[in-house]
Amino acid sequence: MPLEVTSQANGPAVRLTKLVKRFGDFVAVDNVTLDVARGEIFGFLGPNGAGKSTTIRILCGLMAPTSGSATVEGFDVATQSEEIKKRIGYMSQKFSLYDDLTVGENIEFFAGVYNVPPEKFAARRDFVLKMATLEDKRDMKTALLSGGWKQRLALGCAILHEPPILFLDEPTSGVDPIARRSFWDLIYQLSEAGHTIFVTTHYMDEAEYCHRIALMYGGRTIALGSPAELKASLGGEHLLNLETSDLLESLSRLVGHEGILDVAVFGGGLHVKVSDPYEGMATIHKLLDGVLEIQTLEKITPSMEDVFVSLIEQQEKQEKAPA
């Protein structure tokens, strides 16, 4: 049974309006405006230093904005931070667990921190253990858990008080791909139960798991929408996957050639951006046939990494263009 925490508003779970955070001359968050709907898995993506964690700290009431405004569950981050803290769960990229305590003792400690009523503690503890599949590890020292299990325990501790909104700040950083995917299964379960999930990550593939995402670069939001909408924003550009017998030689022969919009190393091959896929393939064959072996050449759907790189390039071109 959920704790009786009421919202001050029926609008968006999170709202940012021209939010700015400066540290001296450095602008960490630069006029960010966006809404997050209730029950949404909202991804905040971008490279390290893009302003993601700073924004999360402001929304959690841990840091005051320089200008602009933000509300969480209808409460103002600048003046009502204590009300916000009652209604959110927070998990950072550095696990906030006590290694010298057992799994069960960590749960009991955080239940106290979040003021879970004593009569509800047993039910909430059992729910967390079951959700995180930690029932058989209840008496194990937390220090002995793998990164993936610690991650599950940290998430469980963050939802002990059944907060309507969860802020997850790069929660999958440093864990293996299997543990990451398992963690996202838990996020889906929480979203289906009605929680709003605001998650930051620098893993572009994790964008595919979100309902909507904001791409951050240099403290600014350079794109906002669903993964499908952002992929569609590439417009008339098409992407080819090219694998050859010599990647670097292929790169040097294609870069700057007419008909080739862009070339980037991707894994063990190249992603070649063209305006027309058939003409692009013909151009590649013309440039490489008889010189290198073309092992793979096919049109592919852009990944979120491709979309992000393209959007960053567009942003940098705009910044360099004369006023």
Protein backbone atom coordinates (compact mmCIF):
# COMPACT_ATOMS: atom_id res chain seq x y z
CA MET A 1 0.00 0.00 0.00
CA PRO A 2 1.57 3.34 -1.01
CA LEU A 3 2.52 5.96 1.51
CA GLU A 4 0.11 8.86 1.72
CA VAL A 5 2.15 11.45 -0.13
CA THR A 6 0.01 13.89 -2.06
CA SER A 7 0.95 16.05 -5.01
CA GLN A 8 0.51 19.80 -5.08
CA ALA A 9 -0.43 19.78 -8.77
CA ASN A 10 -1.93 17.63 -11.48
CA GLY A 11 0.43 18.86 -14.19
CA PRO A 12 3.75 17.36 -15.31
CA ALA A 13 5.74 15.34 -12.79
CA VAL A 14 8.78 17.52 -13.58
CA ARG A 15 8.90 20.94 -15.24
CA LEU A 16 11.98 22.99 -16.13
CA THR A 17 11.65 26.52 -17.47
CA LYS A 18 14.75 28.35 -18.74
CA LEU A 19 16.81 26.66 -16.04
CA VAL A 20 20.36 27.99 -15.64
CA LYS A 21 23.18 26.98 -13.30
CA ARG A 22 26.49 28.83 -13.32
CA PHE A 23 29.69 28.11 -11.43
CA GLY A 24 31.58 31.37 -11.78
CA ASP A 25 32.02 31.93 -15.52
CA PHE A 26 31.18 28.33 -16.36
CA VAL A 27 27.58 27.63 -17.42
CA ALA A 28 26.79 24.02 -16.49
CA VAL A 29 23.07 24.21 -17.35
CA ASP A 30 22.09 26.66 -20.07
CA ASN A 31 18.41 27.64 -20.43
CA VAL A 32 16.93 24.15 -20.29
CA THR A 33 13.14 23.95 -20.75
CA LEU A 34 11.21 20.66 -20.73
CA ASP A 35 8.35 18.74 -19.12
CA VAL A 36 8.29 15.13 -17.92
CA ALA A 37 4.89 13.42 -17.88
CA ARG A 38 3.70 11.25 -15.01
CA GLY A 39 4.61 7.58 -15.43
CA GLU A 40 7.14 8.39 -18.15
CA ILE A 41 10.63 6.93 -18.47
CA PHE A 42 12.51 10.08 -19.42
CA GLY A 43 16.12 9.78 -20.54
CA PHE A 44 18.62 12.59 -20.04
CA LEU A 45 21.48 11.70 -22.38
CA GLY A 46 24.80 13.21 -23.20
CA PRO A 47 28.56 12.92 -22.72
CA ASN A 48 30.26 13.53 -19.39
CA GLY A 49 30.17 17.23 -18.55
CA ALA A 50 26.95 17.89 -20.52
CA GLY A 51 25.08 19.15 -17.43
CA LYS A 52 23.05 16.02 -16.65
CA SER A 53 24.11 15.43 -13.04
CA THR A 54 23.93 19.13 -12.19
CA THR A 55 20.33 19.24 -13.41
CA ILE A 56 19.47 16.13 -11.37
CA ARG A 57 20.92 17.70 -8.22
CA ILE A 58 18.85 20.84 -8.75
CA LEU A 59 15.68 18.77 -9.24
CA CYS A 60 16.40 16.80 -6.07
CA GLY A 61 16.66 20.01 -4.05
CA LEU A 62 20.38 19.54 -3.43
CA MET A 63 21.47 22.63 -5.35
CA ALA A 64 19.81 25.97 -6.11
CA PRO A 65 19.49 27.18 -9.73
CA THR A 66 21.15 30.42 -10.74
CA SER A 67 18.06 31.51 -12.68
CA GLY A 68 14.95 30.10 -14.27
CA SER A 69 12.66 27.71 -12.43
CA ALA A 70 11.91 24.03 -11.89
CA THR A 71 9.15 22.12 -10.15
CA VAL A 72 8.93 18.48 -9.02
CA GLU A 73 5.45 17.16 -8.22
CA GLY A 74 4.36 20.79 -8.34
CA PHE A 75 6.84 21.94 -5.69
CA ASP A 76 9.44 24.62 -6.44
CA VAL A 77 13.06 23.43 -6.19
CA ALA A 78 14.24 26.82 -4.92
CA THR A 79 11.74 27.24 -2.06
CA GLN A 80 10.19 23.83 -1.32
CA SER A 81 13.10 21.41 -1.46
CA GLU A 82 12.09 19.61 1.75
CA GLU A 83 8.67 18.79 0.28
CA ILE A 84 10.36 17.47 -2.85
CA LYS A 85 12.69 15.20 -0.88
CA LYS A 86 9.68 13.43 0.66
CA ARG A 87 8.37 12.56 -2.80
CA ILE A 88 11.43 11.38 -4.67
CA GLY A 89 13.83 8.48 -4.70
CA TYR A 90 17.43 9.13 -5.72
CA MET A 91 20.15 6.76 -6.90
CA SER A 92 23.55 8.08 -7.89
CA GLN A 93 26.24 6.61 -10.12
CA LYS A 94 28.26 5.94 -6.96
CA PHE A 95 26.32 3.39 -4.93
CA SER A 96 25.16 4.97 -1.67
CA LEU A 97 25.28 1.69 0.25
CA TYR A 98 27.20 0.68 3.37
CA ASP A 99 29.54 -2.19 2.51
CA ASP A 100 29.97 -3.26 6.13
CA LEU A 101 26.21 -3.82 6.51
CA THR A 102 24.29 -6.81 5.19
CA VAL A 103 21.67 -6.47 2.47
CA GLY A 104 18.90 -6.59 5.09
CA GLU A 105 20.65 -4.06 7.33
CA ASN A 106 21.05 -1.61 4.43
CA ILE A 107 17.33 -1.89 3.71
CA GLU A 108 16.52 -1.29 7.38
CA PHE A 109 18.86 1.71 7.53
CA PHE A 110 17.36 3.40 4.46
CA ALA A 111 13.83 2.68 5.68
CA GLY A 112 14.73 4.80 8.68
CA VAL A 113 16.22 7.54 6.51
CA TYR A 114 13.03 7.68 4.43
CA ASN A 115 10.75 7.50 7.49
CA VAL A 116 8.95 4.35 6.40
CA PRO A 117 6.30 3.71 9.12
CA PRO A 118 7.28 0.76 11.37
CA GLU A 119 4.05 -1.06 10.60
CA LYS A 120 4.88 -0.98 6.86
CA PHE A 121 8.55 -1.85 7.11
CA ALA A 122 8.26 -5.66 6.85
CA ALA A 123 6.07 -5.44 3.74
CA ARG A 124 8.34 -2.90 2.06
CA ARG A 125 11.50 -4.89 2.93
CA ASP A 126 10.01 -8.08 1.51
CA PHE A 127 8.89 -6.23 -1.63
CA VAL A 128 12.40 -4.84 -2.22
CA LEU A 129 14.06 -8.22 -1.67
CA LYS A 130 11.66 -9.90 -4.09
CA MET A 131 11.85 -7.14 -6.73
CA ALA A 132 15.65 -7.23 -6.70
CA THR A 133 15.72 -11.05 -6.40
CA LEU A 134 17.88 -10.69 -3.29
CA GLU A 135 15.87 -12.96 -0.97
CA ASP A 136 18.70 -15.50 -0.70
CA LYS A 137 21.29 -12.72 -0.16
CA ARG A 138 19.50 -10.98 2.69
CA ASP A 139 22.21 -11.81 5.26
CA MET A 140 25.17 -11.31 2.92
CA LYS A 141 27.59 -8.45 3.47
CA THR A 142 26.98 -5.81 0.82
CA ALA A 143 30.73 -5.64 0.11
CA LEU A 144 30.55 -9.18 -1.28
CA LEU A 145 27.87 -8.34 -3.87
CA SER A 146 28.79 -7.85 -7.54
CA GLY A 147 28.20 -4.46 -9.17
CA GLY A 148 24.93 -5.65 -10.68
CA TRP A 149 23.54 -6.87 -7.35
CA LYS A 150 24.62 -3.68 -5.59
CA GLN A 151 22.83 -1.75 -8.31
CA ARG A 152 19.59 -3.67 -7.67
CA LEU A 153 19.89 -3.15 -3.91
CA ALA A 154 20.53 0.59 -4.34
CA LEU A 155 17.42 0.89 -6.52
CA GLY A 156 15.39 -1.06 -3.98
CA CYS A 157 16.54 1.21 -1.15
CA ALA A 158 15.58 4.27 -3.24
CA ILE A 159 11.96 3.10 -3.57
CA LEU A 160 11.38 1.88 0.01
CA HIS A 161 9.08 4.86 0.71
CA GLU A 162 7.24 4.37 -2.63
CA PRO A 163 8.12 7.77 -4.11
CA PRO A 164 6.13 8.83 -7.20
CA ILE A 165 9.33 10.05 -8.91
CA LEU A 166 12.72 8.34 -9.20
CA PHE A 167 15.89 10.19 -10.17
CA LEU A 168 18.56 7.76 -11.37
CA ASP A 169 21.89 9.45 -12.08
CA GLU A 170 23.92 7.19 -14.41
CA PRO A 171 22.81 4.13 -12.44
CA THR A 172 24.31 1.61 -14.88
CA SER A 173 27.79 3.14 -14.99
CA GLY A 174 30.50 0.54 -14.50
CA VAL A 175 28.37 -2.62 -14.67
CA ASP A 176 28.37 -5.29 -17.36
CA PRO A 177 25.86 -5.29 -20.28
CA ILE A 178 23.81 -8.18 -18.88
CA ALA A 179 23.41 -6.43 -15.52
CA ARG A 180 22.50 -3.21 -17.32
CA ARG A 181 19.70 -4.91 -19.28
CA SER A 182 18.42 -6.63 -16.14
CA PHE A 183 18.36 -3.27 -14.36
CA TRP A 184 16.26 -1.76 -17.16
CA ASP A 185 13.76 -4.59 -16.73
CA LEU A 186 13.29 -3.33 -13.17
CA ILE A 187 12.83 0.24 -14.43
CA TYR A 188 10.06 -0.95 -16.77
CA GLN A 189 8.32 -2.68 -13.87
CA LEU A 190 8.40 0.52 -11.81
CA SER A 191 7.10 2.60 -14.71
CA GLU A 192 4.21 0.18 -15.25
CA ALA A 193 3.41 0.52 -11.53
CA GLY A 194 3.00 4.28 -12.01
CA HIS A 195 6.41 5.68 -11.02
CA THR A 196 7.93 8.48 -13.09
CA ILE A 197 11.56 7.66 -13.95
CA PHE A 198 14.07 10.43 -14.74
CA VAL A 199 17.32 8.73 -15.72
CA THR A 200 20.64 10.14 -16.90
CA THR A 201 23.11 8.08 -18.89
CA HIS A 202 25.96 8.43 -21.36
CA TYR A 203 25.18 5.02 -22.90
CA MET A 204 23.46 5.87 -26.17
CA ASP A 205 21.92 2.40 -26.55
CA GLU A 206 19.96 2.96 -23.34
CA ALA A 207 18.03 5.73 -25.08
CA GLU A 208 16.10 3.03 -26.91
CA TYR A 209 14.57 1.97 -23.58
CA CYS A 210 13.11 5.43 -22.79
CA HIS A 211 9.72 6.80 -23.75
CA ARG A 212 11.28 10.19 -24.50
CA ILE A 213 14.77 11.59 -24.27
CA ALA A 214 16.55 14.92 -24.12
CA LEU A 215 19.99 15.06 -25.71
CA MET A 216 22.31 17.34 -23.74
CA TYR A 217 25.46 18.94 -25.06
CA GLY A 218 27.39 21.80 -23.49
CA GLY A 219 24.68 22.35 -20.89
CA ARG A 220 21.97 22.75 -23.52
CA THR A 221 19.14 20.57 -24.79
CA ILE A 222 19.90 20.07 -28.47
CA ALA A 223 17.05 17.64 -29.15
CA LEU A 224 13.91 16.41 -27.40
CA GLY A 225 11.52 13.62 -28.37
CA SER A 226 11.02 9.88 -28.60
CA PRO A 227 13.84 7.73 -30.02
CA ALA A 228 11.81 7.24 -33.23
CA GLU A 229 11.20 11.00 -33.57
CA LEU A 230 14.88 11.82 -33.13
CA LYS A 231 15.90 9.22 -35.71
CA ALA A 232 13.36 10.70 -38.12
CA SER A 233 14.87 14.16 -37.53
CA LEU A 234 17.84 13.18 -39.72
CA GLY A 235 15.51 13.93 -42.62
CA GLY A 236 16.98 13.22 -46.04
CA GLU A 237 20.14 11.62 -44.71
CA HIS A 238 20.70 7.88 -45.05
CA LEU A 239 23.25 5.65 -43.36
CA LEU A 240 25.36 2.88 -44.87
CA ASN A 241 27.37 0.31 -42.95
CA LEU A 242 30.70 -0.42 -44.65
CA GLU A 243 33.26 -3.08 -43.74
CA THR A 244 36.40 -3.52 -45.84
CA SER A 245 39.79 -5.16 -45.74
CA ASP A 246 41.41 -1.87 -44.62
CA LEU A 247 39.29 0.48 -42.50
CA LEU A 248 41.72 3.42 -42.39
CA GLU A 249 42.43 3.33 -46.12
CA SER A 250 38.68 3.26 -46.80
CA LEU A 251 38.19 6.21 -44.51
CA SER A 252 40.84 8.31 -46.24
CA ARG A 253 39.42 7.53 -49.71
CA LEU A 254 35.84 8.42 -48.78
CA VAL A 255 36.21 11.51 -46.59
CA GLY A 256 35.43 14.74 -48.42
CA HIS A 257 34.34 13.05 -51.65
CA GLU A 258 31.32 14.44 -53.47
CA GLY A 259 28.20 12.49 -52.58
CA ILE A 260 29.58 11.38 -49.21
CA LEU A 261 28.14 13.58 -46.45
CA ASP A 262 30.11 12.12 -43.56
CA VAL A 263 32.15 9.07 -42.55
CA ALA A 264 32.73 7.83 -39.01
CA VAL A 265 34.43 4.79 -37.51
CA PHE A 266 31.84 2.57 -35.83
CA GLY A 267 33.00 -0.67 -34.22
CA GLY A 268 35.01 -2.61 -36.78
CA GLY A 269 33.65 -0.72 -39.77
CA LEU A 270 32.48 2.65 -41.04
CA HIS A 271 29.14 4.43 -40.94
CA VAL A 272 28.82 6.43 -44.15
CA LYS A 273 26.19 9.17 -44.33
CA VAL A 274 24.77 9.84 -47.82
CA SER A 275 21.82 11.73 -49.30
CA ASP A 276 20.84 8.85 -51.61
CA PRO A 277 21.61 5.26 -50.56
CA TYR A 278 21.85 3.82 -54.09
CA GLU A 279 24.03 6.60 -55.45
CA GLY A 280 26.10 6.40 -52.26
CA MET A 281 26.72 2.67 -52.74
CA ALA A 282 27.69 3.27 -56.36
CA THR A 283 30.15 5.98 -55.29
CA ILE A 284 31.72 3.71 -52.67
CA HIS A 285 32.17 0.89 -55.21
CA LYS A 286 33.72 3.33 -57.67
CA LEU A 287 36.21 4.58 -55.08
CA LEU A 288 37.13 1.24 -53.52
CA ASP A 289 36.65 -1.55 -56.10
CA GLY A 290 39.96 -2.92 -57.31
CA VAL A 291 41.79 -1.32 -54.40
CA LEU A 292 40.18 -2.87 -51.30
CA GLU A 293 37.89 -5.78 -50.60
CA ILE A 294 34.35 -4.63 -49.71
CA GLN A 295 33.12 -7.18 -47.18
CA THR A 296 29.84 -5.51 -46.19
CA LEU A 297 27.91 -2.60 -47.69
CA GLU A 298 24.30 -2.15 -46.63
CA LYS A 299 21.78 0.49 -45.69
CA ILE A 300 21.04 0.49 -41.95
CA THR A 301 18.74 2.26 -39.50
CA PRO A 302 20.64 4.95 -37.58
CA SER A 303 21.39 4.15 -33.94
CA MET A 304 20.93 6.77 -31.23
CA GLU A 305 24.70 7.20 -31.26
CA ASP A 306 24.52 8.10 -34.96
CA VAL A 307 21.70 10.54 -34.24
CA PHE A 308 23.60 12.12 -31.35
CA VAL A 309 26.81 12.54 -33.37
CA SER A 310 24.85 14.08 -36.24
CA LEU A 311 23.05 16.52 -33.94
CA ILE A 312 26.31 17.54 -32.26
CA GLU A 313 27.89 18.19 -35.65
CA GLN A 314 24.92 20.35 -36.64
CA GLN A 315 25.16 22.25 -33.35
CA GLU A 316 28.88 22.89 -33.80
CA LYS A 317 28.35 24.11 -37.38
CA GLN A 318 25.71 26.56 -36.19
CA GLU A 319 28.01 27.88 -33.48
CA LYS A 320 30.85 28.39 -35.96
CA ALA A 321 28.67 30.03 -38.61
CA PRO A 322 28.92 33.85 -38.90
CA ALA A 323 26.15 35.72 -37.11
